[in-house]
Amino acid sequence: MFGLEALDLARVQFAFTISFHIVFPAITIGLASYLAVLEGLWLKTSNTLYRDLYHFWSKIFAVNFGMGVVSGLVMAYQFGTNWSAFSDFAGAVTGPLLTYEVLTAFFLEAGFLGVMLFGWNRVGPGLHFFSTVMVAIGTLISTFWILASNSWMHTPQGFEIVDGRVIPVDWFAVIFNPSFPYRLAHMATAAFLATAFFVGASAAWHLLRGRDNPAIRKMLSMALWMALLVAPVQAFIGDLHGLNTLKYQPAKIAAIEGHWENVGDEPTPLILFGWPDMEREETRFKVEIPALGSLILTHSLDKQVPALKDFPPEDRANSTIVFWTFRIMVAMGLMMILTGLWGTWLRRGDRLYTYRPFLHLAVWMGPSGIIAILAGWYTTEIGRQPWIVHGLMRTADASSGHSATQLGFTLAMFVVVYFVLFGAGIGYMLRLVRRGPKIDEGDEAAQDGGPGKPRTPARPLSAAEEGLEDGETDTLPERS
């Protein structure tokens, strides 16, 4: 298929499915915490605006959560179907870690999700808030175990190899491996930022169309406060993560930097742009700043960063790809910081909600968090190559040995099914966003919900019966 070998197709298939999957957990993590904050503010202030926003975003959360669960099931099966040699080699570590996720996170989320989505008028406000918080905590616990497993593959420790298999001997060392704290913090923060810009973009979209109400303004305001406070923190976490990667995976850093060789004792420059050529072993058309690479990566002006030529060709990642995916991630992060700063400046004179150039920027920044997450994951996983477990097992030795024809067929099926199934789900979720939150300021009884009233219960498909804009046709199922 397209001249690709079976191993390449297996990698493309896994990359395709995880690229779809990672979008949903990221938004789920952020929205779960956002909903907990909204409900907490409503209980504290009795301001019904927060409750209206909770009902609105809980529907979108439910749809997104469902798509995340479905797309995640495929990932587990692929370990056995396409990467059975890896499962045989490292399954004693990765298997229990994924099981712990199910036992601690998935069961917690599943147990309280029903109360959160369907119990608004069936349980007391305290229990309902507790359920929302438990779901939010469950998403973070899930992140904990997934990142523990993936981080161990990058910086493995706490094991012995017996009869050609990895056997864990120290679970604390396995879980809290050297890269885990940085990767966990980096991913969780990225999820919060991705959700903030998703929420902010939806608010800006409504404001640009003249739908200006307190709920829309609150959405934009909260999103931009998150951007202002958390985006710089994410840059600091990223710096710490980079230092950790330099220590444990120096070849990855060399590939990310497109840095091929050091010159004498000169500090390492920072290549801003260029085209790393793997065959010619050089970065062509490069634009660089002298010594800045050493300053950023070693925090000194006299230390050098390891170069790609310090490693055998078979141990080098594809610098052409990770060089650019890393820069896309950084560019998105810088734009997030600038957006937060610009939004703070516009708060003076109450121009935040009316200055159209900024609102257009906020709309365009809506997918920036997802783009940054995908670019970051490509950098991390492609930069780990040629290892599937760093220093222990090569990716070429981890596959199941299927033919290119088999993998090409299943990849084509995945592409068709994913775009149809998840395309429809994403389209419906964006349709909910387009309607915006409903504010019933003059009808307190309606706001309180209850049998037969507009907010009974806060379920995702309840939006299907709401009024559509002119020209739309309601093809969604009605309420039961």
Protein backbone atom coordinates (compact mmCIF):
# COMPACT_ATOMS: atom_id res chain seq x y z
CA MET A 1 0.00 0.00 0.00
CA PHE A 2 1.63 3.22 -1.25
CA GLY A 3 4.99 1.43 -1.13
CA LEU A 4 4.85 1.08 2.66
CA GLU A 5 5.98 -2.09 4.40
CA ALA A 6 3.89 -3.95 6.97
CA LEU A 7 5.74 -2.34 9.89
CA ASP A 8 5.13 1.14 8.48
CA LEU A 9 1.42 0.41 8.01
CA ALA A 10 1.14 -0.91 11.56
CA ARG A 11 2.69 2.30 12.86
CA VAL A 12 0.46 4.47 10.66
CA GLN A 13 -2.62 2.57 11.84
CA PHE A 14 -1.75 3.07 15.49
CA ALA A 15 -0.89 6.73 14.88
CA PHE A 16 -4.21 7.27 13.10
CA THR A 17 -6.34 5.70 15.81
CA ILE A 18 -4.53 7.41 18.67
CA SER A 19 -4.72 10.77 16.89
CA PHE A 20 -8.51 10.46 16.87
CA HIS A 21 -8.65 9.10 20.41
CA ILE A 22 -6.44 11.60 22.19
CA VAL A 23 -8.68 14.52 21.21
CA PHE A 24 -11.62 13.18 23.22
CA PRO A 25 -9.87 12.38 26.54
CA ALA A 26 -8.14 15.77 26.43
CA ILE A 27 -11.45 17.63 26.18
CA THR A 28 -13.05 15.23 28.68
CA ILE A 29 -10.36 15.99 31.27
CA GLY A 30 -10.77 19.73 30.86
CA LEU A 31 -14.56 19.80 30.68
CA ALA A 32 -14.97 17.56 33.73
CA SER A 33 -12.96 19.98 35.86
CA TYR A 34 -14.72 22.96 34.25
CA LEU A 35 -18.11 21.48 35.16
CA ALA A 36 -16.97 20.92 38.75
CA VAL A 37 -15.91 24.57 38.95
CA LEU A 38 -19.21 25.77 37.45
CA GLU A 39 -21.33 23.74 39.85
CA GLY A 40 -19.18 24.77 42.79
CA LEU A 41 -19.60 28.44 41.89
CA TRP A 42 -23.35 27.99 41.55
CA LEU A 43 -23.60 26.38 45.00
CA LYS A 44 -21.43 29.11 46.50
CA THR A 45 -23.01 32.16 44.85
CA SER A 46 -26.54 30.93 43.93
CA ASN A 47 -25.98 32.66 40.59
CA THR A 48 -28.09 30.72 38.09
CA LEU A 49 -25.74 31.74 35.28
CA TYR A 50 -23.26 29.10 36.44
CA ARG A 51 -26.01 26.49 36.51
CA ASP A 52 -27.08 27.35 32.98
CA LEU A 53 -23.50 26.96 31.79
CA TYR A 54 -23.25 23.64 33.63
CA HIS A 55 -26.30 22.25 31.85
CA PHE A 56 -25.03 23.45 28.50
CA TRP A 57 -21.51 22.04 28.79
CA SER A 58 -22.59 18.80 30.48
CA LYS A 59 -24.35 17.78 27.25
CA ILE A 60 -21.20 18.37 25.24
CA PHE A 61 -19.16 16.57 27.88
CA ALA A 62 -21.40 13.49 27.68
CA VAL A 63 -21.09 13.21 23.90
CA ASN A 64 -17.34 13.72 24.07
CA PHE A 65 -16.97 11.20 26.91
CA GLY A 66 -18.83 8.54 24.93
CA MET A 67 -16.64 9.01 21.86
CA GLY A 68 -13.53 8.84 24.03
CA VAL A 69 -14.55 5.52 25.54
CA VAL A 70 -15.37 3.97 22.16
CA SER A 71 -12.17 5.16 20.46
CA GLY A 72 -10.09 4.05 23.45
CA LEU A 73 -11.24 0.44 23.24
CA VAL A 74 -9.55 0.08 19.87
CA MET A 75 -6.17 1.03 21.31
CA ALA A 76 -6.13 -1.88 23.77
CA TYR A 77 -7.00 -4.40 21.06
CA GLN A 78 -4.24 -3.15 18.80
CA PHE A 79 -1.60 -4.12 21.34
CA GLY A 80 -2.65 -7.72 20.87
CA THR A 81 -3.41 -7.70 17.15
CA ASN A 82 -0.61 -5.59 15.68
CA TRP A 83 1.99 -5.48 18.47
CA SER A 84 1.86 -8.94 20.03
CA ALA A 85 5.66 -9.20 20.35
CA PHE A 86 5.65 -6.01 22.41
CA SER A 87 2.79 -7.31 24.56
CA ASP A 88 4.67 -10.54 25.15
CA PHE A 89 7.85 -8.67 26.08
CA ALA A 90 6.45 -5.83 28.23
CA GLY A 91 2.91 -6.96 29.05
CA ALA A 92 3.82 -7.71 32.67
CA VAL A 93 4.26 -3.94 33.11
CA THR A 94 1.81 -2.32 30.70
CA GLY A 95 -1.01 -4.82 31.33
CA PRO A 96 -1.34 -4.19 35.09
CA LEU A 97 -1.00 -0.43 34.64
CA LEU A 98 -3.92 -0.36 32.20
CA THR A 99 -5.86 -2.65 34.55
CA TYR A 100 -5.28 -0.23 37.41
CA GLU A 101 -6.77 2.50 35.24
CA VAL A 102 -9.94 0.47 34.78
CA LEU A 103 -10.20 -0.46 38.46
CA THR A 104 -9.55 3.02 39.86
CA ALA A 105 -10.55 5.52 37.20
CA PHE A 106 -13.05 3.95 34.83
CA PHE A 107 -15.16 2.40 37.58
CA LEU A 108 -15.10 5.70 39.48
CA GLU A 109 -16.19 7.68 36.44
CA ALA A 110 -18.84 5.15 35.43
CA GLY A 111 -20.26 4.99 38.95
CA PHE A 112 -20.76 8.73 39.32
CA LEU A 113 -21.36 9.69 35.69
CA GLY A 114 -24.99 8.54 35.82
CA VAL A 115 -25.67 10.68 38.89
CA MET A 116 -23.90 13.61 37.29
CA LEU A 117 -25.84 13.47 34.00
CA PHE A 118 -29.23 12.17 35.10
CA GLY A 119 -29.51 13.00 38.80
CA TRP A 120 -29.85 16.77 38.72
CA ASN A 121 -33.41 16.65 40.08
CA ARG A 122 -33.15 13.24 41.75
CA VAL A 123 -30.43 13.79 44.35
CA GLY A 124 -29.50 16.66 46.61
CA PRO A 125 -27.17 19.43 45.41
CA GLY A 126 -24.35 18.26 47.67
CA LEU A 127 -24.40 14.70 46.35
CA HIS A 128 -24.67 15.90 42.77
CA PHE A 129 -21.67 18.21 43.20
CA PHE A 130 -19.75 15.36 44.82
CA SER A 131 -20.55 13.18 41.79
CA THR A 132 -19.27 15.84 39.40
CA VAL A 133 -16.06 16.18 41.39
CA MET A 134 -15.59 12.41 41.43
CA VAL A 135 -15.94 12.26 37.64
CA ALA A 136 -13.38 15.04 37.30
CA ILE A 137 -11.00 13.22 39.64
CA GLY A 138 -11.60 10.01 37.70
CA THR A 139 -10.44 11.61 34.46
CA LEU A 140 -7.23 12.74 36.16
CA ILE A 141 -6.64 9.30 37.68
CA SER A 142 -7.06 7.82 34.20
CA THR A 143 -4.45 10.26 32.93
CA PHE A 144 -2.16 9.19 35.77
CA TRP A 145 -2.15 5.50 34.79
CA ILE A 146 -1.99 6.04 31.03
CA LEU A 147 0.96 8.41 31.38
CA ALA A 148 2.66 6.05 33.84
CA SER A 149 2.52 3.27 31.25
CA ASN A 150 3.63 5.43 28.35
CA SER A 151 6.36 7.16 30.35
CA TRP A 152 7.81 3.81 31.41
CA MET A 153 8.26 3.00 27.73
CA HIS A 154 10.38 6.15 27.42
CA THR A 155 12.35 5.86 30.66
CA PRO A 156 12.01 2.25 31.88
CA GLN A 157 13.10 1.29 35.37
CA GLY A 158 12.07 -1.00 38.24
CA PHE A 159 12.28 -4.23 36.24
CA GLU A 160 14.36 -7.27 35.40
CA ILE A 161 14.48 -9.22 32.15
CA VAL A 162 13.80 -12.92 32.73
CA ASP A 163 13.62 -15.37 29.81
CA GLY A 164 13.32 -12.51 27.35
CA ARG A 165 10.43 -10.79 29.18
CA VAL A 166 10.24 -7.72 31.37
CA ILE A 167 9.37 -8.62 34.98
CA PRO A 168 8.53 -5.75 37.37
CA VAL A 169 10.46 -5.88 40.65
CA ASP A 170 9.65 -2.41 42.04
CA TRP A 171 6.23 -1.03 41.13
CA PHE A 172 6.95 2.34 42.72
CA ALA A 173 9.96 2.71 40.43
CA VAL A 174 7.96 1.48 37.44
CA ILE A 175 5.17 3.99 37.98
CA PHE A 176 7.25 6.96 39.08
CA ASN A 177 9.86 6.55 36.39
CA PRO A 178 12.09 9.56 35.62
CA SER A 179 9.95 11.14 32.88
CA PHE A 180 6.53 10.45 34.45
CA PRO A 181 6.04 13.57 36.65
CA TYR A 182 6.91 15.93 33.82
CA ARG A 183 4.81 14.14 31.22
CA LEU A 184 1.81 13.89 33.56
CA ALA A 185 1.91 17.60 34.39
CA HIS A 186 2.49 18.53 30.76
CA MET A 187 -0.44 16.46 29.46
CA ALA A 188 -2.92 17.44 32.17
CA THR A 189 -2.12 21.13 31.70
CA ALA A 190 -2.41 20.74 27.93
CA ALA A 191 -5.89 19.25 28.39
CA PHE A 192 -6.99 22.22 30.53
CA LEU A 193 -5.67 24.68 27.94
CA ALA A 194 -7.23 22.81 25.02
CA THR A 195 -10.61 22.93 26.77
CA ALA A 196 -10.22 26.60 27.70
CA PHE A 197 -9.61 27.62 24.10
CA PHE A 198 -12.46 25.40 22.92
CA VAL A 199 -14.81 27.13 25.38
CA GLY A 200 -13.39 30.56 24.55
CA ALA A 201 -13.75 30.02 20.81
CA SER A 202 -17.40 29.01 21.17
CA ALA A 203 -18.09 32.17 23.19
CA ALA A 204 -16.28 34.39 20.69
CA TRP A 205 -18.22 32.77 17.84
CA HIS A 206 -21.54 33.68 19.48
CA LEU A 207 -20.40 37.23 20.27
CA LEU A 208 -19.39 37.81 16.66
CA ARG A 209 -22.96 36.88 15.68
CA GLY A 210 -24.51 39.32 18.11
CA ARG A 211 -25.50 36.74 20.72
CA ASP A 212 -24.27 38.75 23.67
CA ASN A 213 -25.54 37.62 27.07
CA PRO A 214 -24.01 37.15 30.54
CA ALA A 215 -23.44 33.42 30.03
CA ILE A 216 -21.51 33.91 26.78
CA ARG A 217 -19.41 36.63 28.38
CA LYS A 218 -18.68 34.45 31.39
CA MET A 219 -17.52 31.62 29.12
CA LEU A 220 -15.04 33.88 27.33
CA SER A 221 -13.85 35.51 30.53
CA MET A 222 -13.17 32.22 32.33
CA ALA A 223 -11.40 30.79 29.28
CA LEU A 224 -9.08 33.76 28.99
CA TRP A 225 -8.25 33.78 32.68
CA MET A 226 -7.24 30.15 32.26
CA ALA A 227 -5.07 31.05 29.26
CA LEU A 228 -3.43 33.93 31.11
CA LEU A 229 -2.58 31.90 34.20
CA VAL A 230 -1.94 28.40 32.85
CA ALA A 231 -0.26 28.93 29.46
CA PRO A 232 2.92 30.42 31.03
CA VAL A 233 2.93 27.58 33.57
CA GLN A 234 2.77 25.12 30.69
CA ALA A 235 5.83 26.76 29.13
CA PHE A 236 7.72 26.33 32.41
CA ILE A 237 6.65 22.66 32.65
CA GLY A 238 7.75 22.17 29.06
CA ASP A 239 11.19 23.53 29.90
CA LEU A 240 11.54 21.09 32.79
CA HIS A 241 10.33 18.27 30.54
CA GLY A 242 12.93 19.22 27.96
CA LEU A 243 15.74 19.08 30.53
CA ASN A 244 14.53 15.65 31.62
CA THR A 245 14.44 14.43 28.02
CA LEU A 246 17.95 15.75 27.43
CA LYS A 247 19.16 13.67 30.36
CA TYR A 248 17.41 10.39 29.49
CA GLN A 249 16.78 10.62 25.72
CA PRO A 250 19.48 12.89 24.29
CA ALA A 251 19.06 11.50 20.76
CA LYS A 252 15.44 12.73 20.78
CA ILE A 253 16.56 16.25 21.72
CA ALA A 254 19.17 16.23 18.96
CA ALA A 255 16.48 15.24 16.45
CA ILE A 256 14.06 17.88 17.74
CA GLU A 257 16.74 20.55 17.40
CA GLY A 258 17.91 19.36 13.97
CA HIS A 259 21.41 19.56 15.45
CA TRP A 260 23.90 17.31 13.64
CA GLU A 261 27.33 18.08 15.08
CA ASN A 262 29.13 20.31 17.54
CA VAL A 263 32.00 22.52 16.45
CA GLY A 264 34.97 22.41 18.82
CA ASP A 265 34.02 23.82 22.19
CA GLU A 266 31.49 26.29 20.79
CA PRO A 267 28.09 26.43 22.50
CA THR A 268 25.20 24.95 20.56
CA PRO A 269 23.12 27.35 18.44
CA LEU A 270 19.32 27.25 18.32
CA ILE A 271 17.98 26.49 14.87
CA LEU A 272 14.74 28.41 14.49
CA PHE A 273 13.82 27.11 11.05
CA GLY A 274 15.32 24.74 8.51
CA TRP A 275 14.91 21.39 6.83
CA PRO A 276 16.72 18.46 8.48
CA ASP A 277 17.90 16.13 5.71
CA MET A 278 18.37 12.61 7.06
CA GLU A 279 20.27 11.38 4.00
CA ARG A 280 22.68 14.30 3.75
CA GLU A 281 23.03 14.47 7.56
CA GLU A 282 22.57 18.21 7.72
CA THR A 283 19.86 20.79 8.30
CA ARG A 284 19.41 22.76 5.10
CA PHE A 285 18.28 26.38 4.79
CA LYS A 286 18.68 26.84 8.53
CA VAL A 287 18.17 30.07 10.41
CA GLU A 288 19.94 29.90 13.75
CA ILE A 289 20.82 31.98 16.79
CA PRO A 290 24.33 31.34 18.17
CA ALA A 291 24.61 29.81 21.67
CA LEU A 292 20.86 30.00 22.35
CA GLY A 293 20.44 26.22 22.11
CA SER A 294 22.91 25.72 24.95
CA LEU A 295 21.22 28.44 27.01
CA ILE A 296 17.73 26.96 26.65
CA LEU A 297 18.61 23.27 26.96
CA THR A 298 21.46 23.37 29.49
CA HIS A 299 20.83 26.78 31.09
CA SER A 300 24.45 27.69 30.43
CA LEU A 301 26.56 29.23 27.67
CA ASP A 302 29.47 26.81 27.83
CA LYS A 303 27.81 23.37 27.66
CA GLN A 304 27.03 21.66 24.38
CA VAL A 305 23.90 19.75 23.44
CA PRO A 306 24.43 16.21 22.08
CA ALA A 307 24.34 16.08 18.27
CA LEU A 308 22.74 13.52 15.96
CA LYS A 309 26.12 12.38 14.66
CA ASP A 310 27.00 11.34 18.21
CA PHE A 311 24.58 8.43 17.73
CA PRO A 312 24.62 5.59 15.18
CA PRO A 313 22.30 6.19 12.18
CA GLU A 314 20.09 3.27 13.22
CA ASP A 315 19.48 4.93 16.61
CA ARG A 316 18.34 8.30 15.24
CA ALA A 317 14.74 9.46 15.12
CA ASN A 318 13.36 11.11 11.99
CA SER A 319 14.49 14.68 12.59
CA THR A 320 12.61 15.99 9.56
CA ILE A 321 9.30 15.24 11.27
CA VAL A 322 9.96 15.97 14.93
CA PHE A 323 11.82 19.19 14.13
CA TRP A 324 8.58 20.65 12.77
CA THR A 325 6.04 19.00 15.06
CA PHE A 326 7.92 20.43 18.03
CA ARG A 327 7.92 23.92 16.52
CA ILE A 328 4.20 23.71 15.78
CA MET A 329 3.58 22.84 19.44
CA VAL A 330 5.74 25.72 20.64
CA ALA A 331 4.09 28.15 18.22
CA MET A 332 0.65 27.20 19.54
CA GLY A 333 1.87 27.67 23.11
CA LEU A 334 3.25 31.14 22.36
CA MET A 335 0.00 32.12 20.66
CA MET A 336 -1.92 30.97 23.74
CA ILE A 337 0.22 33.18 25.97
CA LEU A 338 -0.21 36.17 23.64
CA THR A 339 -3.97 35.60 23.45
CA GLY A 340 -4.22 35.57 27.23
CA LEU A 341 -2.16 38.78 27.51
CA TRP A 342 -4.15 40.55 24.78
CA GLY A 343 -7.42 39.53 26.43
CA THR A 344 -6.24 40.97 29.76
CA TRP A 345 -5.32 44.25 28.09
CA LEU A 346 -8.75 44.45 26.42
CA ARG A 347 -10.53 44.05 29.75
CA ARG A 348 -9.66 47.69 30.32
CA GLY A 349 -12.57 49.73 29.08
CA ASP A 350 -14.73 46.61 28.77
CA ARG A 351 -13.60 45.96 25.16
CA LEU A 352 -13.00 42.24 25.63
CA TYR A 353 -16.48 41.28 24.41
CA THR A 354 -16.81 43.77 21.56
CA TYR A 355 -13.39 44.10 19.88
CA ARG A 356 -13.95 42.05 16.75
CA PRO A 357 -10.32 41.45 15.70
CA PHE A 358 -9.67 39.79 19.05
CA LEU A 359 -12.89 37.77 18.86
CA HIS A 360 -11.86 36.50 15.42
CA LEU A 361 -8.48 35.49 16.87
CA ALA A 362 -10.23 33.67 19.73
CA VAL A 363 -12.31 31.69 17.23
CA TRP A 364 -9.24 30.74 15.21
CA MET A 365 -7.47 29.72 18.43
CA GLY A 366 -10.25 27.25 19.24
CA PRO A 367 -8.41 24.17 17.90
CA SER A 368 -4.97 25.42 18.99
CA GLY A 369 -4.90 23.24 22.11
CA ILE A 370 -5.76 20.10 20.16
CA ILE A 371 -3.17 20.94 17.50
CA ALA A 372 -0.54 21.45 20.21
CA ILE A 373 -1.42 18.13 21.87
CA LEU A 374 -1.21 16.21 18.60
CA ALA A 375 2.05 17.90 17.63
CA GLY A 376 3.47 17.20 21.09
CA TRP A 377 2.50 13.52 20.95
CA TYR A 378 4.01 13.13 17.49
CA THR A 379 7.20 14.71 18.78
CA THR A 380 7.29 12.41 21.79
CA GLU A 381 6.46 9.15 20.05
CA ILE A 382 8.30 9.63 16.76
CA GLY A 383 11.23 11.06 18.68
CA ARG A 384 11.44 7.82 20.68
CA GLN A 385 12.12 5.80 17.56
CA PRO A 386 13.62 3.38 16.73
CA TRP A 387 12.69 2.16 20.23
CA ILE A 388 9.26 1.06 21.40
CA VAL A 389 10.71 0.58 24.89
CA HIS A 390 13.70 2.89 25.04
CA GLY A 391 16.96 1.00 25.05
CA LEU A 392 15.25 -2.38 25.47
CA MET A 393 13.12 -3.22 22.44
CA ARG A 394 13.08 -1.80 18.92
CA THR A 395 9.83 -1.06 17.17
CA ALA A 396 10.86 -3.34 14.31
CA ASP A 397 10.94 -6.27 16.75
CA ALA A 398 7.58 -5.48 18.37
CA SER A 399 5.07 -6.08 15.58
CA SER A 400 2.93 -9.16 15.03
CA GLY A 401 4.23 -9.97 11.57
CA HIS A 402 1.05 -9.40 9.57
CA SER A 403 1.32 -8.85 5.85
CA ALA A 404 1.19 -5.42 4.25
CA THR A 405 -2.04 -6.41 2.50
CA GLN A 406 -3.77 -7.25 5.78
CA LEU A 407 -2.63 -4.07 7.49
CA GLY A 408 -3.45 -1.93 4.48
CA PHE A 409 -7.00 -3.29 4.38
CA THR A 410 -7.63 -2.77 8.09
CA LEU A 411 -6.11 0.71 7.93
CA ALA A 412 -8.46 1.63 5.09
CA MET A 413 -11.40 0.31 7.12
CA PHE A 414 -10.33 2.32 10.15
CA VAL A 415 -10.14 5.50 8.07
CA VAL A 416 -13.64 5.02 6.65
CA VAL A 417 -15.29 4.01 9.94
CA TYR A 418 -13.57 6.68 12.02
CA PHE A 419 -14.41 9.53 9.70
CA VAL A 420 -18.04 8.44 9.43
CA LEU A 421 -18.62 7.53 13.07
CA PHE A 422 -16.58 10.14 14.87
CA GLY A 423 -17.19 12.72 12.19
CA ALA A 424 -20.90 12.45 12.96
CA GLY A 425 -20.21 12.65 16.70
CA ILE A 426 -18.00 15.71 16.36
CA GLY A 427 -20.54 17.31 14.06
CA TYR A 428 -23.30 16.79 16.62
CA MET A 429 -21.11 18.14 19.42
CA LEU A 430 -20.35 21.29 17.39
CA ARG A 431 -24.06 21.60 16.67
CA LEU A 432 -24.70 21.75 20.40
CA VAL A 433 -22.00 24.38 20.76
CA ARG A 434 -23.61 26.42 17.99
CA ARG A 435 -26.88 26.65 19.88
CA GLY A 436 -25.22 28.15 22.92
CA PRO A 437 -26.43 28.19 26.53
CA LYS A 438 -30.07 29.06 27.21
CA ILE A 439 -30.75 31.67 29.86
CA ASP A 440 -34.23 31.78 31.42
CA GLU A 441 -33.78 34.85 33.56
CA GLY A 442 -37.46 35.54 33.94
CA ASP A 443 -38.65 32.04 34.79
CA GLU A 444 -37.12 30.77 37.98
CA ALA A 445 -39.35 27.70 37.99
CA ALA A 446 -38.13 26.68 34.59
CA GLN A 447 -34.55 27.10 35.72
CA ASP A 448 -35.11 24.81 38.64
CA GLY A 449 -36.03 21.91 36.35
CA GLY A 450 -38.25 19.16 37.53
CA PRO A 451 -40.49 16.69 35.73
CA GLY A 452 -41.55 18.01 32.34
CA LYS A 453 -39.49 21.19 32.60
CA PRO A 454 -36.70 22.28 30.26
CA ARG A 455 -33.81 20.98 32.31
CA THR A 456 -35.00 17.46 32.99
CA PRO A 457 -32.46 15.95 32.99
CA ALA A 458 -29.13 17.45 31.82
CA ARG A 459 -28.52 14.80 29.18
CA PRO A 460 -26.76 15.25 25.85
CA LEU A 461 -29.60 14.26 23.51
CA SER A 462 -32.09 16.53 25.27
CA ALA A 463 -30.78 19.30 23.05
CA ALA A 464 -32.22 17.56 20.03
CA GLU A 465 -35.71 18.86 20.78
CA GLU A 466 -34.63 22.47 21.27
CA GLY A 467 -35.50 24.98 18.58
CA LEU A 468 -33.31 25.00 15.50
CA GLU A 469 -32.12 27.98 13.56
CA ASP A 470 -33.88 28.98 10.37
CA GLY A 471 -33.19 26.61 7.54
CA GLU A 472 -32.17 23.66 9.74
CA THR A 473 -33.97 20.33 9.78
CA ASP A 474 -34.21 18.37 12.97
CA THR A 475 -33.11 14.84 12.12
CA LEU A 476 -32.10 13.87 15.63
CA PRO A 477 -34.12 11.55 17.86
CA GLU A 478 -36.65 13.15 20.14
CA ARG A 479 -36.68 12.72 23.88
CA SER A 480 -37.94 9.45 25.23
